[in-house]
Every structure is written in structure tokens, then in C-alpha cells.
Amino acid sequence: MVIAFITGIFLGFIFFGGLYFSVNRMADMKHPAAFMLASLIIRMLILLVGLYLIRGDSFYNIPLALLGILLARTYLTWWVKRKES
């Protein structure tokens, strides 16, 4: 169960870190809408495959992974606000 939580944190950093990277790079792109769509598809694919692999035999793995994802989101939100101020 601890592995599911840590994996959730990792997946959250990939998803929301990728979002932060995509938004910052969007202005440099020739086709920003296509870039954001591709970024969304790749990030969602990684997240969903990760959650599928985590689920295993225990019901509690998914909620723990989601809790880890929310923790990563909270940390990255704090980090971005601190970085920009």
C-alpha cells in the first residue's frame, strides 16, 4: 500500500510537472493547440496506465495513489507560487 502512495506521488509529479512544462513552452510553439492536445493525451495515457498497473488485488491501492497524486499537485502548486513571487 505504501508503494501505491509513492507511485501516486510519482505519477502526480509527471502529470502536473508535464502540465507546467507544457504551459511554459506553449508560447514558443507554432501550433500551441496541437501541442497542448498532444501533451494532454500523453500525460493522461501515462497516468491511466500507471493507475491500471497499481490497482493490483487491493481496493485501497487506487485511493492511496489518488491521494499521492493530490499531494504532488499541492506541492507543485506551492512550488510554482513560491517561484513566481
Protein backbone atom coordinates (compact mmCIF):
# COMPACT_ATOMS: atom_id res chain seq x y z
CA MET A 1 0.00 0.00 0.00
CA VAL A 2 2.92 2.33 0.61
CA ILE A 3 4.16 1.58 -2.90
CA ALA A 4 0.79 2.69 -4.33
CA PHE A 5 1.05 6.01 -2.44
CA ILE A 6 4.64 6.64 -3.58
CA THR A 7 3.75 5.68 -7.14
CA GLY A 8 0.81 8.10 -6.97
CA ILE A 9 3.18 10.89 -5.94
CA PHE A 10 5.44 9.99 -8.87
CA LEU A 11 2.50 9.94 -11.32
CA GLY A 12 1.29 13.27 -9.96
CA PHE A 13 4.69 14.84 -10.49
CA ILE A 14 4.74 13.52 -14.06
CA PHE A 15 1.21 14.75 -14.80
CA PHE A 16 1.32 18.19 -13.19
CA GLY A 17 5.00 18.76 -13.92
CA GLY A 18 4.25 17.98 -17.54
CA LEU A 19 1.37 20.44 -17.45
CA TYR A 20 3.64 23.16 -16.05
CA PHE A 21 6.25 22.41 -18.70
CA SER A 22 3.63 22.44 -21.49
CA VAL A 23 2.10 25.74 -20.44
CA ASN A 24 5.52 27.39 -20.24
CA ARG A 25 6.54 26.08 -23.68
CA MET A 26 3.22 26.83 -25.37
CA ALA A 27 4.20 30.38 -26.41
CA ASP A 28 7.20 29.04 -28.35
CA MET A 29 5.15 26.56 -30.38
CA LYS A 30 3.99 27.11 -33.93
CA HIS A 31 0.73 25.23 -33.23
CA PRO A 32 0.06 25.66 -29.49
CA ALA A 33 -3.37 24.00 -29.54
CA ALA A 34 -1.98 20.83 -31.13
CA PHE A 35 0.92 20.87 -28.68
CA MET A 36 -1.43 21.14 -25.67
CA LEU A 37 -3.67 18.38 -27.03
CA ALA A 38 -0.69 16.07 -27.56
CA SER A 39 0.59 16.93 -24.08
CA LEU A 40 -2.81 16.14 -22.55
CA ILE A 41 -3.05 12.81 -24.36
CA ILE A 42 0.46 11.76 -23.35
CA ARG A 43 0.01 12.84 -19.71
CA MET A 44 -3.39 11.12 -19.43
CA LEU A 45 -2.04 7.95 -21.04
CA ILE A 46 0.83 7.78 -18.56
CA LEU A 47 -1.49 8.48 -15.63
CA LEU A 48 -4.14 5.95 -16.62
CA VAL A 49 -1.66 3.19 -17.40
CA GLY A 50 0.06 3.85 -14.07
CA LEU A 51 -3.23 3.65 -12.18
CA TYR A 52 -4.17 0.49 -14.06
CA LEU A 53 -0.89 -1.16 -13.09
CA ILE A 54 -1.19 -0.02 -9.47
CA ARG A 55 -4.68 -1.36 -8.88
CA GLY A 56 -3.49 -4.94 -8.22
CA ASP A 57 -5.54 -7.06 -5.83
CA SER A 58 -6.27 -4.48 -3.17
CA PHE A 59 -9.08 -1.96 -3.43
CA TYR A 60 -7.11 0.53 -1.34
CA ASN A 61 -4.34 0.96 -3.91
CA ILE A 62 -6.33 3.34 -6.14
CA PRO A 63 -7.44 5.76 -3.37
CA LEU A 64 -3.90 5.81 -1.97
CA ALA A 65 -2.47 6.52 -5.41
CA LEU A 66 -5.02 9.33 -5.90
CA LEU A 67 -4.04 10.75 -2.53
CA GLY A 68 -0.41 10.72 -3.68
CA ILE A 69 -1.39 12.49 -6.90
CA LEU A 70 -3.19 15.19 -4.90
CA LEU A 71 -0.17 15.58 -2.65
CA ALA A 72 2.07 16.09 -5.69
CA ARG A 73 -0.41 18.63 -7.09
CA THR A 74 -0.45 20.53 -3.80
CA TYR A 75 3.34 20.59 -3.63
CA LEU A 76 3.77 21.70 -7.25
CA THR A 77 1.16 24.44 -6.78
CA TRP A 78 3.06 25.71 -3.74
CA TRP A 79 6.37 25.49 -5.62
CA VAL A 80 5.07 27.44 -8.64
CA LYS A 81 3.58 30.18 -6.44
CA ARG A 82 6.83 30.49 -4.49
CA LYS A 83 8.89 30.52 -7.68
CA GLU A 84 6.80 33.27 -9.31
CA SER A 85 6.68 35.58 -6.30
